[in-house]
PDB file of N, CA and C in Angstrom:
ATOM      1  N   UNK A   1     -15.245 -35.703  14.566  1.00  0.00           N
ATOM      2  CA  UNK A   1     -14.165 -34.902  14.014  1.00  0.00           C
ATOM      3  C   UNK A   1     -14.379 -34.727  12.504  1.00  0.00           C
ATOM      4  N   UNK A   2     -14.760 -35.787  11.839  1.00  0.00           N
ATOM      5  CA  UNK A   2     -14.991 -35.705  10.393  1.00  0.00           C
ATOM      6  C   UNK A   2     -16.200 -34.819  10.099  1.00  0.00           C
ATOM      7  N   UNK A   3     -17.211 -34.909  10.927  1.00  0.00           N
ATOM      8  CA  UNK A   3     -18.404 -34.086  10.735  1.00  0.00           C
ATOM      9  C   UNK A   3     -18.081 -32.601  10.906  1.00  0.00           C
ATOM     10  N   UNK A   4     -17.261 -32.270  11.884  1.00  0.00           N
ATOM     11  CA  UNK A   4     -16.866 -30.876  12.108  1.00  0.00           C
ATOM     12  C   UNK A   4     -16.046 -30.356  10.928  1.00  0.00           C
ATOM     13  N   UNK A   5     -15.144 -31.162  10.406  1.00  0.00           N
ATOM     14  CA  UNK A   5     -14.341 -30.749   9.259  1.00  0.00           C
ATOM     15  C   UNK A   5     -15.219 -30.579   8.024  1.00  0.00           C
ATOM     16  N   UNK A   6     -16.157 -31.468   7.826  1.00  0.00           N
ATOM     17  CA  UNK A   6     -17.075 -31.366   6.697  1.00  0.00           C
ATOM     18  C   UNK A   6     -17.939 -30.114   6.808  1.00  0.00           C
ATOM     19  N   UNK A   7     -18.390 -29.800   8.008  1.00  0.00           N
ATOM     20  CA  UNK A   7     -19.189 -28.603   8.237  1.00  0.00           C
ATOM     21  C   UNK A   7     -18.375 -27.341   7.956  1.00  0.00           C
ATOM     22  N   UNK A   8     -17.115 -27.341   8.342  1.00  0.00           N
ATOM     23  CA  UNK A   8     -16.234 -26.198   8.051  1.00  0.00           C
ATOM     24  C   UNK A   8     -16.056 -26.002   6.549  1.00  0.00           C
ATOM     25  N   UNK A   9     -15.914 -27.086   5.812  1.00  0.00           N
ATOM     26  CA  UNK A   9     -15.778 -26.995   4.355  1.00  0.00           C
ATOM     27  C   UNK A   9     -17.060 -26.435   3.739  1.00  0.00           C
ATOM     28  N   UNK A  10     -18.206 -26.870   4.218  1.00  0.00           N
ATOM     29  CA  UNK A  10     -19.486 -26.383   3.701  1.00  0.00           C
ATOM     30  C   UNK A  10     -19.652 -24.894   3.992  1.00  0.00           C
ATOM     31  N   UNK A  11     -19.340 -24.464   5.201  1.00  0.00           N
ATOM     32  CA  UNK A  11     -19.484 -23.053   5.576  1.00  0.00           C
ATOM     33  C   UNK A  11     -18.502 -22.189   4.784  1.00  0.00           C
ATOM     34  N   UNK A  12     -17.271 -22.638   4.623  1.00  0.00           N
ATOM     35  CA  UNK A  12     -16.292 -21.873   3.848  1.00  0.00           C
ATOM     36  C   UNK A  12     -16.698 -21.791   2.380  1.00  0.00           C
ATOM     37  N   UNK A  13     -17.235 -22.866   1.839  1.00  0.00           N
ATOM     38  CA  UNK A  13     -17.712 -22.848   0.461  1.00  0.00           C
ATOM     39  C   UNK A  13     -18.865 -21.883   0.276  1.00  0.00           C
ATOM     40  N   UNK A  14     -19.762 -21.844   1.238  1.00  0.00           N
ATOM     41  CA  UNK A  14     -20.894 -20.913   1.169  1.00  0.00           C
ATOM     42  C   UNK A  14     -20.417 -19.467   1.255  1.00  0.00           C
ATOM     43  N   UNK A  15     -19.452 -19.202   2.109  1.00  0.00           N
ATOM     44  CA  UNK A  15     -18.916 -17.839   2.220  1.00  0.00           C
ATOM     45  C   UNK A  15     -18.207 -17.420   0.935  1.00  0.00           C
ATOM     46  N   UNK A  16     -17.467 -18.329   0.340  1.00  0.00           N
ATOM     47  CA  UNK A  16     -16.791 -18.033  -0.918  1.00  0.00           C
ATOM     48  C   UNK A  16     -17.800 -17.815  -2.035  1.00  0.00           C
ATOM     49  N   UNK A  17     -18.830 -18.630  -2.080  1.00  0.00           N
ATOM     50  CA  UNK A  17     -19.880 -18.475  -3.099  1.00  0.00           C
ATOM     51  C   UNK A  17     -20.566 -17.110  -2.970  1.00  0.00           C
ATOM     52  N   UNK A  18     -20.841 -16.711  -1.737  1.00  0.00           N
ATOM     53  CA  UNK A  18     -21.495 -15.416  -1.521  1.00  0.00           C
ATOM     54  C   UNK A  18     -20.590 -14.262  -1.932  1.00  0.00           C
ATOM     55  N   UNK A  19     -19.302 -14.354  -1.638  1.00  0.00           N
ATOM     56  CA  UNK A  19     -18.367 -13.299  -2.029  1.00  0.00           C
ATOM     57  C   UNK A  19     -18.232 -13.225  -3.542  1.00  0.00           C
ATOM     58  N   UNK A  20     -18.221 -14.377  -4.206  1.00  0.00           N
ATOM     59  CA  UNK A  20     -18.105 -14.382  -5.662  1.00  0.00           C
ATOM     60  C   UNK A  20     -19.375 -13.873  -6.329  1.00  0.00           C
ATOM     61  N   UNK A  21     -20.518 -14.212  -5.791  1.00  0.00           N
ATOM     62  CA  UNK A  21     -21.766 -13.788  -6.420  1.00  0.00           C
ATOM     63  C   UNK A  21     -22.048 -12.306  -6.213  1.00  0.00           C
ATOM     64  N   UNK A  22     -21.500 -11.713  -5.162  1.00  0.00           N
ATOM     65  CA  UNK A  22     -21.701 -10.285  -4.930  1.00  0.00           C
ATOM     66  C   UNK A  22     -20.596  -9.445  -5.571  1.00  0.00           C
ATOM     67  N   UNK A  23     -19.723 -10.072  -6.328  1.00  0.00           N
ATOM     68  CA  UNK A  23     -18.612  -9.420  -7.031  1.00  0.00           C
ATOM     69  C   UNK A  23     -17.715  -8.627  -6.084  1.00  0.00           C
ATOM     70  N   UNK A  24     -17.496  -9.167  -4.906  1.00  0.00           N
ATOM     71  CA  UNK A  24     -16.661  -8.509  -3.911  1.00  0.00           C
ATOM     72  C   UNK A  24     -15.212  -8.410  -4.381  1.00  0.00           C
ATOM     73  N   UNK A  25     -14.701  -9.478  -5.002  1.00  0.00           N
ATOM     74  CA  UNK A  25     -13.315  -9.486  -5.446  1.00  0.00           C
ATOM     75  C   UNK A  25     -13.090  -8.509  -6.595  1.00  0.00           C
ATOM     76  N   UNK A  26     -14.078  -8.375  -7.458  1.00  0.00           N
ATOM     77  CA  UNK A  26     -13.978  -7.421  -8.564  1.00  0.00           C
ATOM     78  C   UNK A  26     -13.940  -5.998  -8.022  1.00  0.00           C
ATOM     79  N   UNK A  27     -14.773  -5.718  -7.035  1.00  0.00           N
ATOM     80  CA  UNK A  27     -14.800  -4.374  -6.442  1.00  0.00           C
ATOM     81  C   UNK A  27     -13.473  -4.041  -5.774  1.00  0.00           C
ATOM     82  N   UNK A  28     -12.883  -5.003  -5.085  1.00  0.00           N
ATOM     83  CA  UNK A  28     -11.586  -4.760  -4.457  1.00  0.00           C
ATOM     84  C   UNK A  28     -10.491  -4.572  -5.506  1.00  0.00           C
ATOM     85  N   UNK A  29     -10.558  -5.331  -6.576  1.00  0.00           N
ATOM     86  CA  UNK A  29      -9.574  -5.172  -7.647  1.00  0.00           C
ATOM     87  C   UNK A  29      -9.660  -3.818  -8.315  1.00  0.00           C
ATOM     88  N   UNK A  30     -10.866  -3.344  -8.549  1.00  0.00           N
ATOM     89  CA  UNK A  30     -11.031  -2.022  -9.155  1.00  0.00           C
ATOM     90  C   UNK A  30     -10.596  -0.912  -8.212  1.00  0.00           C
ATOM     91  N   UNK A  31     -10.861  -1.091  -6.938  1.00  0.00           N
ATOM     92  CA  UNK A  31     -10.482  -0.065  -5.973  1.00  0.00           C
ATOM     93  C   UNK A  31      -8.974   0.040  -5.805  1.00  0.00           C
ATOM     94  N   UNK A  32      -8.263  -1.063  -6.017  1.00  0.00           N
ATOM     95  CA  UNK A  32      -6.816  -1.029  -5.828  1.00  0.00           C
ATOM     96  C   UNK A  32      -6.048  -0.820  -7.125  1.00  0.00           C
ATOM     97  N   UNK A  33      -6.755  -0.656  -8.225  1.00  0.00           N
ATOM     98  CA  UNK A  33      -6.085  -0.426  -9.505  1.00  0.00           C
ATOM     99  C   UNK A  33      -5.441   0.953  -9.519  1.00  0.00           C
ATOM    100  N   UNK A  34      -4.367   1.063 -10.258  1.00  0.00           N
ATOM    101  CA  UNK A  34      -3.639   2.331 -10.285  1.00  0.00           C
ATOM    102  C   UNK A  34      -4.443   3.436 -10.938  1.00  0.00           C
ATOM    103  N   UNK A  35      -5.376   3.094 -11.805  1.00  0.00           N
ATOM    104  CA  UNK A  35      -6.169   4.112 -12.483  1.00  0.00           C
ATOM    105  C   UNK A  35      -7.293   4.635 -11.595  1.00  0.00           C
ATOM    106  N   UNK A  36      -7.430   4.094 -10.429  1.00  0.00           N
ATOM    107  CA  UNK A  36      -8.513   4.470  -9.530  1.00  0.00           C
ATOM    108  C   UNK A  36      -8.035   5.409  -8.429  1.00  0.00           C
ATOM    109  N   UNK A  37      -6.788   5.821  -8.496  1.00  0.00           N
ATOM    110  CA  UNK A  37      -6.253   6.687  -7.457  1.00  0.00           C
ATOM    111  C   UNK A  37      -6.895   8.062  -7.536  1.00  0.00           C
ATOM    112  N   UNK A  38      -7.451   8.499  -6.449  1.00  0.00           N
ATOM    113  CA  UNK A  38      -8.087   9.817  -6.419  1.00  0.00           C
ATOM    114  C   UNK A  38      -7.024  10.882  -6.192  1.00  0.00           C
ATOM    115  N   UNK A  39      -7.050  11.888  -7.011  1.00  0.00           N
ATOM    116  CA  UNK A  39      -6.105  12.985  -6.852  1.00  0.00           C
ATOM    117  C   UNK A  39      -4.699  12.678  -7.349  1.00  0.00           C
ATOM    118  N   UNK A  40      -4.532  11.628  -8.118  1.00  0.00           N
ATOM    119  CA  UNK A  40      -3.208  11.284  -8.618  1.00  0.00           C
ATOM    120  C   UNK A  40      -2.834  12.200  -9.780  1.00  0.00           C
ATOM    121  N   UNK A  41      -1.569  12.228 -10.087  1.00  0.00           N
ATOM    122  CA  UNK A  41      -1.059  13.125 -11.117  1.00  0.00           C
ATOM    123  C   UNK A  41      -1.008  12.443 -12.481  1.00  0.00           C
ATOM    124  N   UNK A  42      -2.063  11.758 -12.848  1.00  0.00           N
ATOM    125  CA  UNK A  42      -2.173  11.186 -14.198  1.00  0.00           C
ATOM    126  C   UNK A  42      -1.161  10.120 -14.514  1.00  0.00           C
ATOM    127  N   UNK A  43      -0.418  10.298 -15.595  1.00  0.00           N
ATOM    128  CA  UNK A  43       0.513   9.287 -16.085  1.00  0.00           C
ATOM    129  C   UNK A  43       1.669   9.055 -15.127  1.00  0.00           C
ATOM    130  N   UNK A  44       2.009  10.031 -14.319  1.00  0.00           N
ATOM    131  CA  UNK A  44       3.111   9.842 -13.344  1.00  0.00           C
ATOM    132  C   UNK A  44       2.717   8.772 -12.330  1.00  0.00           C
ATOM    133  N   UNK A  45       1.485   8.823 -11.870  1.00  0.00           N
ATOM    134  CA  UNK A  45       1.024   7.814 -10.922  1.00  0.00           C
ATOM    135  C   UNK A  45       1.001   6.430 -11.577  1.00  0.00           C
ATOM    136  N   UNK A  46       0.626   6.363 -12.851  1.00  0.00           N
ATOM    137  CA  UNK A  46       0.617   5.082 -13.551  1.00  0.00           C
ATOM    138  C   UNK A  46       2.021   4.491 -13.603  1.00  0.00           C
ATOM    139  N   UNK A  47       3.001   5.313 -13.865  1.00  0.00           N
ATOM    140  CA  UNK A  47       4.379   4.838 -13.974  1.00  0.00           C
ATOM    141  C   UNK A  47       4.921   4.426 -12.618  1.00  0.00           C
ATOM    142  N   UNK A  48       4.674   5.235 -11.608  1.00  0.00           N
ATOM    143  CA  UNK A  48       5.255   4.977 -10.288  1.00  0.00           C
ATOM    144  C   UNK A  48       4.555   3.846  -9.528  1.00  0.00           C
ATOM    145  N   UNK A  49       3.285   3.614  -9.797  1.00  0.00           N
ATOM    146  CA  UNK A  49       2.564   2.568  -9.072  1.00  0.00           C
ATOM    147  C   UNK A  49       3.028   1.197  -9.530  1.00  0.00           C
ATOM    148  N   UNK A  50       3.347   1.044 -10.814  1.00  0.00           N
ATOM    149  CA  UNK A  50       3.780  -0.261 -11.305  1.00  0.00           C
ATOM    150  C   UNK A  50       5.188  -0.437 -10.934  1.00  0.00           C
TER     151      UNK A  50
END
C-alpha cells in the first residue's frame, strides 16, 4: 500500500514537472486573459470581463 502511494506521488510529480516545463499553465493563462478575446469590442470587453 505504501509503495503504491509512493508511486502515485512520483507519477504526479513527474506530470506536474512536465506541465511546468512546457509552460502549459502560462499558455492557458494567456488564452483566458481578457485581452486575448478575439473579436471583442476593445475597452468594453475589458470592463465587462472583470
